[in-house]
């Protein structure tokens, strides 16, 4: 189990990161926070058979809640 924290500052100095105001166009870099928590466990079923289970939750400041699960 663990936690993560990612911060992304995106600025390409093009209209993609500028304001919509055409008279006073200003650069508006995108700042994204992405904190998360996860848990994972490996279970041995037999000598040659294992089961890997995991769950992850992240919160993106633009997209909201992100849930991920895996079973391998």
Protein backbone atom coordinates (compact mmCIF):
# COMPACT_ATOMS: atom_id res chain seq x y z
CA UNK A 1 0.00 0.00 0.00
CA UNK A 2 1.13 3.53 -0.53
CA UNK A 3 0.41 7.08 -1.55
CA UNK A 4 1.44 9.29 -4.43
CA UNK A 5 1.38 12.98 -5.26
CA UNK A 6 2.01 14.45 -8.68
CA UNK A 7 1.98 18.12 -9.66
CA UNK A 8 2.07 19.14 -13.32
CA UNK A 9 2.72 22.70 -14.53
CA UNK A 10 1.98 22.92 -18.26
CA UNK A 11 2.76 26.07 -20.22
CA UNK A 12 3.52 25.99 -23.94
CA UNK A 13 3.22 29.75 -24.65
CA UNK A 14 0.63 29.20 -27.40
CA UNK A 15 -3.09 30.00 -27.64
CA UNK A 16 -3.75 26.58 -26.05
CA UNK A 17 -2.74 27.99 -22.64
CA UNK A 18 -3.94 31.57 -23.03
CA UNK A 19 -7.13 33.29 -21.93
CA UNK A 20 -10.17 33.48 -24.19
CA UNK A 21 -10.09 37.31 -24.07
CA UNK A 22 -8.69 38.33 -27.48
CA UNK A 23 -8.00 41.96 -26.45
CA UNK A 24 -5.94 41.17 -23.36
CA UNK A 25 -4.57 37.71 -24.10
CA UNK A 26 -2.56 36.50 -21.15
CA UNK A 27 -0.74 33.26 -20.67
CA UNK A 28 -2.65 30.92 -18.33
CA UNK A 29 -0.52 27.86 -17.55
CA UNK A 30 -2.40 24.72 -16.53
CA UNK A 31 -1.63 23.50 -13.00
CA UNK A 32 -2.77 19.98 -12.15
CA UNK A 33 -2.64 18.24 -8.76
CA UNK A 34 -2.97 14.44 -8.69
CA UNK A 35 -2.87 12.88 -5.19
CA UNK A 36 -3.56 9.16 -4.89
CA UNK A 37 -3.60 6.08 -2.69
CA UNK A 38 -3.22 2.43 -3.68
CA UNK A 39 -3.22 -1.06 -2.24
CA UNK A 40 -1.97 -4.29 -3.86
CA UNK A 41 -1.57 -7.90 -2.76
CA UNK A 42 -0.26 -11.08 -4.36
CA UNK A 43 -1.90 -14.34 -3.29
CA UNK A 44 -0.28 -17.73 -4.00
CA UNK A 45 -2.94 -20.27 -4.98
CA UNK A 46 -0.52 -23.06 -5.91
CA UNK A 47 3.19 -23.35 -6.71
CA UNK A 48 2.71 -22.06 -10.27
CA UNK A 49 -0.48 -20.02 -9.80
CA UNK A 50 -0.65 -16.58 -8.23
CA UNK A 51 -3.33 -13.94 -8.07
CA UNK A 52 -2.46 -10.24 -8.06
CA UNK A 53 -5.16 -7.88 -6.81
CA UNK A 54 -4.95 -4.11 -6.69
CA UNK A 55 -7.01 -0.97 -6.23
CA UNK A 56 -6.01 2.64 -6.80
CA UNK A 57 -7.81 5.93 -6.19
CA UNK A 58 -6.59 9.24 -7.62
CA UNK A 59 -8.13 12.70 -7.57
CA UNK A 60 -7.38 14.90 -10.59
CA UNK A 61 -8.05 18.61 -10.04
CA UNK A 62 -9.62 18.83 -13.55
CA UNK A 63 -11.21 15.40 -14.08
CA UNK A 64 -12.27 14.53 -10.53
CA UNK A 65 -12.25 11.02 -9.02
CA UNK A 66 -10.38 8.22 -10.81
CA UNK A 67 -10.81 4.62 -9.61
CA UNK A 68 -8.66 1.80 -10.98
CA UNK A 69 -8.74 -1.92 -10.11
CA UNK A 70 -6.82 -4.89 -11.41
CA UNK A 71 -6.93 -8.63 -11.08
CA UNK A 72 -4.19 -10.60 -12.83
